[in-house]
């Protein structure tokens, strides 16, 4: 879900992210409010990178 949210933020479609998801991700410090805009934090980016790396390893069979 974080990867989907990050993708929506890149596309300037934050309005499509559920309020519950936003609250959860802000509580985890994965997203933050900045001047009225929602953005992914450094921690959130790192989590996304880890998720992508894990998916790549699964797809190539390198567990």
C-alpha atoms as a PDB file:
ATOM      1  CA  UNK A   1       0.000   0.000   0.000  1.00  0.00           C
ATOM      2  CA  UNK A   2       2.896   2.393   0.674  1.00  0.00           C
ATOM      3  CA  UNK A   3       4.210   1.893  -2.858  1.00  0.00           C
ATOM      4  CA  UNK A   4       0.770   2.716  -4.274  1.00  0.00           C
ATOM      5  CA  UNK A   5       0.557   5.808  -2.084  1.00  0.00           C
ATOM      6  CA  UNK A   6       4.036   6.962  -3.140  1.00  0.00           C
ATOM      7  CA  UNK A   7       3.026   6.498  -6.781  1.00  0.00           C
ATOM      8  CA  UNK A   8      -0.115   8.586  -6.293  1.00  0.00           C
ATOM      9  CA  UNK A   9       1.909  11.341  -4.626  1.00  0.00           C
ATOM     10  CA  UNK A  10       4.338  11.393  -7.560  1.00  0.00           C
ATOM     11  CA  UNK A  11       1.361  11.844  -9.871  1.00  0.00           C
ATOM     12  CA  UNK A  12      -0.075  14.668  -7.698  1.00  0.00           C
ATOM     13  CA  UNK A  13      -3.106  12.536  -6.867  1.00  0.00           C
ATOM     14  CA  UNK A  14      -2.941  12.625  -3.064  1.00  0.00           C
ATOM     15  CA  UNK A  15      -6.717  13.072  -2.936  1.00  0.00           C
ATOM     16  CA  UNK A  16      -7.013   9.404  -3.952  1.00  0.00           C
ATOM     17  CA  UNK A  17      -5.188   8.213  -0.815  1.00  0.00           C
ATOM     18  CA  UNK A  18      -7.557   7.227   1.988  1.00  0.00           C
ATOM     19  CA  UNK A  19      -7.563   9.330   5.132  1.00  0.00           C
ATOM     20  CA  UNK A  20      -6.935   6.201   7.222  1.00  0.00           C
ATOM     21  CA  UNK A  21      -3.827   5.338   5.187  1.00  0.00           C
ATOM     22  CA  UNK A  22      -2.552   8.901   5.497  1.00  0.00           C
ATOM     23  CA  UNK A  23      -3.038   8.855   9.265  1.00  0.00           C
ATOM     24  CA  UNK A  24      -1.266   5.503   9.564  1.00  0.00           C
ATOM     25  CA  UNK A  25       1.664   6.525   7.364  1.00  0.00           C
ATOM     26  CA  UNK A  26       2.064   9.878   9.146  1.00  0.00           C
ATOM     27  CA  UNK A  27       2.052   8.052  12.513  1.00  0.00           C
ATOM     28  CA  UNK A  28       4.818   5.779  11.181  1.00  0.00           C
ATOM     29  CA  UNK A  29       6.750   8.843   9.916  1.00  0.00           C
ATOM     30  CA  UNK A  30       6.555   7.522   6.351  1.00  0.00           C
ATOM     31  CA  UNK A  31       4.559  10.569   5.173  1.00  0.00           C
ATOM     32  CA  UNK A  32       4.478  14.142   6.410  1.00  0.00           C
ATOM     33  CA  UNK A  33       2.537  17.312   5.857  1.00  0.00           C
ATOM     34  CA  UNK A  34       4.630  20.127   4.421  1.00  0.00           C
ATOM     35  CA  UNK A  35       2.960  23.467   3.823  1.00  0.00           C
ATOM     36  CA  UNK A  36      -0.409  21.799   3.286  1.00  0.00           C
ATOM     37  CA  UNK A  37       1.039  19.225   0.892  1.00  0.00           C
ATOM     38  CA  UNK A  38       1.534  15.568   1.665  1.00  0.00           C
ATOM     39  CA  UNK A  39       4.970  14.162   0.905  1.00  0.00           C
ATOM     40  CA  UNK A  40       6.915  11.002   1.508  1.00  0.00           C
ATOM     41  CA  UNK A  41       9.666  11.211   4.125  1.00  0.00           C
ATOM     42  CA  UNK A  42      13.202   9.894   3.842  1.00  0.00           C
ATOM     43  CA  UNK A  43      12.122   6.961   5.991  1.00  0.00           C
ATOM     44  CA  UNK A  44       9.166   6.342   3.683  1.00  0.00           C
ATOM     45  CA  UNK A  45      11.450   6.391   0.634  1.00  0.00           C
ATOM     46  CA  UNK A  46      13.785   3.927   2.322  1.00  0.00           C
ATOM     47  CA  UNK A  47      10.869   1.597   3.085  1.00  0.00           C
ATOM     48  CA  UNK A  48       9.714   1.830  -0.556  1.00  0.00           C
ATOM     49  CA  UNK A  49      13.231   1.004  -1.756  1.00  0.00           C
ATOM     50  CA  UNK A  50      13.352  -2.017   0.549  1.00  0.00           C
ATOM     51  CA  UNK A  51       9.958  -3.210  -0.692  1.00  0.00           C
ATOM     52  CA  UNK A  52      11.008  -2.869  -4.324  1.00  0.00           C
ATOM     53  CA  UNK A  53      14.294  -4.682  -3.647  1.00  0.00           C
ATOM     54  CA  UNK A  54      12.423  -7.511  -1.922  1.00  0.00           C
ATOM     55  CA  UNK A  55       9.970  -7.844  -4.817  1.00  0.00           C
ATOM     56  CA  UNK A  56      12.855  -7.912  -7.299  1.00  0.00           C
ATOM     57  CA  UNK A  57      14.594 -10.676  -5.349  1.00  0.00           C
ATOM     58  CA  UNK A  58      11.376 -12.722  -5.282  1.00  0.00           C
ATOM     59  CA  UNK A  59      10.856 -12.305  -9.018  1.00  0.00           C
ATOM     60  CA  UNK A  60      14.395 -13.389  -9.833  1.00  0.00           C
ATOM     61  CA  UNK A  61      14.342 -16.244  -7.333  1.00  0.00           C
ATOM     62  CA  UNK A  62      17.053 -14.811  -5.095  1.00  0.00           C
ATOM     63  CA  UNK A  63      15.609 -15.123  -1.631  1.00  0.00           C
END
